């Protein structure tokens, strides 16, 4: 894959914390050992853009995981505002529909040359099972919904999707080799599952065709996060 020279560059570590000092410490300690950091709603709600800037001062690429989902104009405004944070990647919910995703793409295109973020869409959260989908009115397997939303995301001009590794092969068949697949729910064999249900190991995810892996607690909760990142990178091809 273009831009990926080392296995560790595929890893975005999820800094799911409200402790800005801890987030900064982790980012500094993991620089050069992972490909970037993911900051989501928990951190952003607590600290906003200023907190994000403090974490990324070390130069780590940023996956801004705020999962925008609103009317097209509002989502476009949110993506446009995120450009000030110089993210490598931002995301929206694919279930927001084509017009919303097209608006997000157009806003990202306003970035300075060479600084346009990848805009990806969330398909089905990795914590959700068929029973969860039925409860929200979708009587189908998660894979069926993932494929539907993956095709819609590509047709809307976005760069990729977030998906479970167990859906990577089917998605590749549906959207081709150049569409980015960002995979959370990754657990090395020595880590606990926590609240993730549809999970695979880092090696399996890459073998299946994942481009980027989002990994949180197996790294951040380890006694030695840098060592955990090294062990995970060693597992990958």
Protein backbone atom coordinates (compact mmCIF):
# COMPACT_ATOMS: atom_id res chain seq x y z
CA UNK A 1 0.00 0.00 0.00
CA UNK A 2 1.29 3.47 -0.91
CA UNK A 3 2.78 5.27 2.11
CA UNK A 4 3.06 2.15 4.24
CA UNK A 5 6.67 1.00 4.53
CA UNK A 6 6.56 -0.62 7.96
CA UNK A 7 3.91 -2.70 9.72
CA UNK A 8 3.71 -0.28 12.65
CA UNK A 9 2.59 2.51 10.30
CA UNK A 10 -0.73 0.72 9.90
CA UNK A 11 -1.55 1.14 13.59
CA UNK A 12 -3.60 4.06 14.90
CA UNK A 13 -3.70 3.90 18.68
CA UNK A 14 -7.02 4.85 20.24
CA UNK A 15 -6.47 7.33 23.06
CA UNK A 16 -9.88 6.88 24.65
CA UNK A 17 -9.33 8.96 27.76
CA UNK A 18 -10.30 12.30 29.26
CA UNK A 19 -6.84 12.69 30.81
CA UNK A 20 -5.02 15.05 28.46
CA UNK A 21 -1.72 14.54 30.26
CA UNK A 22 -1.95 10.79 29.81
CA UNK A 23 -2.88 11.23 26.14
CA UNK A 24 0.13 13.47 25.56
CA UNK A 25 2.39 11.03 27.40
CA UNK A 26 1.16 8.11 25.28
CA UNK A 27 1.50 10.03 22.02
CA UNK A 28 5.06 11.08 22.83
CA UNK A 29 6.01 7.57 23.96
CA UNK A 30 4.53 5.89 20.90
CA UNK A 31 5.87 8.22 18.23
CA UNK A 32 7.76 6.14 15.68
CA UNK A 33 6.18 2.97 17.02
CA UNK A 34 2.64 3.45 15.65
CA UNK A 35 1.34 5.22 12.57
CA UNK A 36 -0.79 7.75 14.40
CA UNK A 37 -3.26 8.50 17.17
CA UNK A 38 -7.04 8.31 17.20
CA UNK A 39 -8.87 10.86 19.29
CA UNK A 40 -12.61 10.45 19.66
CA UNK A 41 -15.69 11.88 21.30
CA UNK A 42 -14.64 11.20 24.87
CA UNK A 43 -11.41 13.16 24.57
CA UNK A 44 -12.81 15.86 22.28
CA UNK A 45 -15.79 16.55 24.53
CA UNK A 46 -13.46 17.01 27.50
CA UNK A 47 -10.73 19.07 25.84
CA UNK A 48 -11.83 20.28 22.39
CA UNK A 49 -9.42 21.47 19.68
CA UNK A 50 -6.89 22.78 22.21
CA UNK A 51 -6.53 19.32 23.70
CA UNK A 52 -6.11 17.78 20.26
CA UNK A 53 -3.36 20.28 19.44
CA UNK A 54 -1.54 19.36 22.67
CA UNK A 55 -1.56 15.66 21.74
CA UNK A 56 -0.46 16.18 18.13
CA UNK A 57 2.30 18.67 18.92
CA UNK A 58 4.67 15.70 18.77
CA UNK A 59 3.92 15.36 15.07
CA UNK A 60 1.82 12.20 15.18
CA UNK A 61 -0.76 11.81 12.36
CA UNK A 62 -4.30 12.27 13.63
CA UNK A 63 -7.40 10.19 13.05
CA UNK A 64 -10.18 12.49 14.29
CA UNK A 65 -12.88 10.00 15.20
CA UNK A 66 -15.98 12.14 15.78
CA UNK A 67 -18.37 10.19 13.50
CA UNK A 68 -20.25 13.20 12.16
CA UNK A 69 -23.92 12.45 11.45
CA UNK A 70 -26.29 15.33 10.75
CA UNK A 71 -27.84 17.25 7.87
CA UNK A 72 -25.40 17.78 4.94
CA UNK A 73 -24.72 21.45 5.65
CA UNK A 74 -23.91 20.82 9.30
CA UNK A 75 -21.60 17.90 8.54
CA UNK A 76 -19.83 19.94 5.85
CA UNK A 77 -19.28 22.70 8.40
CA UNK A 78 -17.90 20.24 10.94
CA UNK A 79 -15.47 18.72 8.44
CA UNK A 80 -14.43 22.21 7.32
CA UNK A 81 -13.78 23.21 10.94
CA UNK A 82 -11.73 20.06 11.50
CA UNK A 83 -9.23 21.13 8.85
CA UNK A 84 -7.65 23.49 11.38
CA UNK A 85 -6.51 20.38 13.27
CA UNK A 86 -4.68 19.06 10.18
CA UNK A 87 -6.11 15.53 10.50
CA UNK A 88 -4.86 12.62 8.45
CA UNK A 89 -8.33 11.10 8.60
CA UNK A 90 -11.84 12.14 9.68
CA UNK A 91 -15.04 10.11 9.69
CA UNK A 92 -18.78 10.35 9.28
CA UNK A 93 -21.64 7.86 9.64
CA UNK A 94 -22.49 6.28 6.28
CA UNK A 95 -26.09 5.97 7.44
CA UNK A 96 -26.31 9.76 7.04
CA UNK A 97 -26.75 9.13 3.34
CA UNK A 98 -25.28 10.14 0.01
CA UNK A 99 -25.90 13.89 0.15
CA UNK A 100 -24.35 14.12 3.59
CA UNK A 101 -21.26 12.19 2.53
CA UNK A 102 -20.87 14.20 -0.66
CA UNK A 103 -21.01 17.39 1.42
CA UNK A 104 -18.32 16.01 3.73
CA UNK A 105 -16.09 15.20 0.76
CA UNK A 106 -16.56 18.67 -0.74
CA UNK A 107 -15.61 20.30 2.56
CA UNK A 108 -12.46 18.16 2.85
CA UNK A 109 -11.49 19.22 -0.67
CA UNK A 110 -11.19 22.80 0.62
CA UNK A 111 -8.02 21.85 2.53
CA UNK A 112 -4.69 23.31 1.45
CA UNK A 113 -2.79 21.36 -1.17
CA UNK A 114 -1.24 18.27 0.36
CA UNK A 115 -3.30 18.52 3.54
CA UNK A 116 -6.63 17.09 2.47
CA UNK A 117 -7.72 14.50 5.05
CA UNK A 118 -9.01 11.10 4.12
CA UNK A 119 -12.76 11.06 4.72
CA UNK A 120 -14.06 7.65 5.71
CA UNK A 121 -17.46 6.41 6.84
CA UNK A 122 -18.57 4.18 9.69
CA UNK A 123 -20.67 1.28 8.45
CA UNK A 124 -21.76 -0.97 11.35
CA UNK A 125 -20.18 -0.50 14.76
CA UNK A 126 -18.03 -3.48 15.73
CA UNK A 127 -19.95 -3.81 19.00
CA UNK A 128 -23.19 -4.55 17.12
CA UNK A 129 -24.61 -8.00 16.36
CA UNK A 130 -27.61 -9.05 14.29
CA UNK A 131 -29.80 -8.77 17.40
CA UNK A 132 -28.70 -5.17 17.81
CA UNK A 133 -29.56 -4.40 14.18
CA UNK A 134 -32.99 -5.99 14.55
CA UNK A 135 -33.70 -3.74 17.53
CA UNK A 136 -33.12 -0.67 15.33
CA UNK A 137 -35.26 -1.99 12.49
CA UNK A 138 -32.71 -3.78 10.28
CA UNK A 139 -33.58 -7.47 10.06
CA UNK A 140 -30.37 -8.62 8.41
CA UNK A 141 -26.84 -9.78 9.11
CA UNK A 142 -24.24 -7.07 9.86
CA UNK A 143 -22.34 -8.00 6.67
CA UNK A 144 -25.33 -7.17 4.45
CA UNK A 145 -25.60 -3.69 5.94
CA UNK A 146 -21.83 -3.18 5.80
CA UNK A 147 -21.77 -4.00 2.07
CA UNK A 148 -24.73 -1.73 1.33
CA UNK A 149 -23.16 1.19 3.17
CA UNK A 150 -19.69 0.47 1.77
CA UNK A 151 -20.96 0.71 -1.81
CA UNK A 152 -22.86 3.89 -0.97
CA UNK A 153 -19.78 5.42 0.63
CA UNK A 154 -17.67 4.72 -2.44
CA UNK A 155 -20.39 6.07 -4.76
CA UNK A 156 -20.45 9.24 -2.63
CA UNK A 157 -16.76 9.88 -3.31
CA UNK A 158 -15.31 9.11 0.11
CA UNK A 159 -11.94 7.45 0.63
CA UNK A 160 -12.93 4.36 2.61
CA UNK A 161 -14.89 2.88 5.45
CA UNK A 162 -14.52 1.63 8.98
CA UNK A 163 -15.42 -2.04 9.16
CA UNK A 164 -14.82 -5.25 11.05
CA UNK A 165 -11.94 -7.36 9.76
CA UNK A 166 -14.44 -10.14 9.19
CA UNK A 167 -16.02 -7.98 6.48
CA UNK A 168 -12.80 -6.99 4.71
CA UNK A 169 -12.79 -9.75 2.08
CA UNK A 170 -16.41 -9.17 1.09
CA UNK A 171 -15.88 -5.41 0.95
CA UNK A 172 -12.81 -5.76 -1.23
CA UNK A 173 -14.90 -7.74 -3.67
CA UNK A 174 -17.55 -5.03 -3.65
CA UNK A 175 -15.43 -1.86 -3.79
CA UNK A 176 -12.05 -2.88 -5.23
CA UNK A 177 -8.43 -2.61 -4.09
CA UNK A 178 -7.98 1.15 -3.70
CA UNK A 179 -10.77 1.86 -1.21
CA UNK A 180 -9.30 2.24 2.30
CA UNK A 181 -10.48 -0.21 4.95
CA UNK A 182 -9.92 0.95 8.53
CA UNK A 183 -10.44 -1.84 11.03
CA UNK A 184 -11.10 -1.52 14.78
CA UNK A 185 -11.88 -4.44 17.06
CA UNK A 186 -8.31 -5.71 16.77
CA UNK A 187 -7.02 -7.84 19.61
CA UNK A 188 -3.71 -9.71 19.74
CA UNK A 189 -4.08 -13.21 21.13
CA UNK A 190 -2.67 -12.12 24.50
CA UNK A 191 -5.27 -9.34 25.04
CA UNK A 192 -8.85 -9.45 26.41
CA UNK A 193 -11.88 -8.84 24.17
CA UNK A 194 -13.34 -6.06 26.38
CA UNK A 195 -16.61 -4.88 24.74
CA UNK A 196 -15.67 -5.81 21.18
CA UNK A 197 -17.45 -8.84 19.72
CA UNK A 198 -16.42 -9.14 16.08
CA UNK A 199 -12.64 -9.22 16.48
CA UNK A 200 -9.51 -10.72 14.88
CA UNK A 201 -5.77 -10.60 15.51
CA UNK A 202 -3.56 -7.94 13.87
CA UNK A 203 -1.92 -10.50 11.57
CA UNK A 204 -5.26 -11.89 10.46
CA UNK A 205 -6.60 -8.40 9.73
CA UNK A 206 -3.66 -7.49 7.50
CA UNK A 207 -3.69 -10.87 5.77
CA UNK A 208 -7.36 -10.29 4.96
CA UNK A 209 -6.56 -6.90 3.41
CA UNK A 210 -7.03 -4.23 6.08
CA UNK A 211 -5.19 -0.97 5.41
CA UNK A 212 -5.19 0.57 8.89
CA UNK A 213 -5.81 -0.99 12.30
CA UNK A 214 -7.30 0.90 15.24
CA UNK A 215 -6.01 -0.56 18.49
CA UNK A 216 -6.68 0.86 21.93
CA UNK A 217 -6.54 -0.96 25.24
CA UNK A 218 -4.09 -3.70 24.21
CA UNK A 219 -1.57 -0.86 23.85
CA UNK A 220 -2.77 1.90 26.18
CA UNK A 221 -3.59 -0.36 29.13
CA UNK A 222 -0.35 -2.34 28.84
CA UNK A 223 2.33 -1.84 31.47
CA UNK A 224 4.66 -0.82 28.63
CA UNK A 225 2.64 0.68 25.73
CA UNK A 226 5.67 0.98 23.44
CA UNK A 227 6.52 -2.68 23.99
CA UNK A 228 2.91 -3.67 23.31
CA UNK A 229 3.00 -1.72 20.04
CA UNK A 230 6.25 -3.46 19.10
CA UNK A 231 4.79 -6.90 19.80
CA UNK A 232 1.71 -6.14 17.73
CA UNK A 233 3.79 -4.85 14.80
CA UNK A 234 5.87 -8.01 14.93
CA UNK A 235 2.72 -10.09 14.51
CA UNK A 236 1.90 -8.40 11.19
CA UNK A 237 3.36 -9.26 7.76
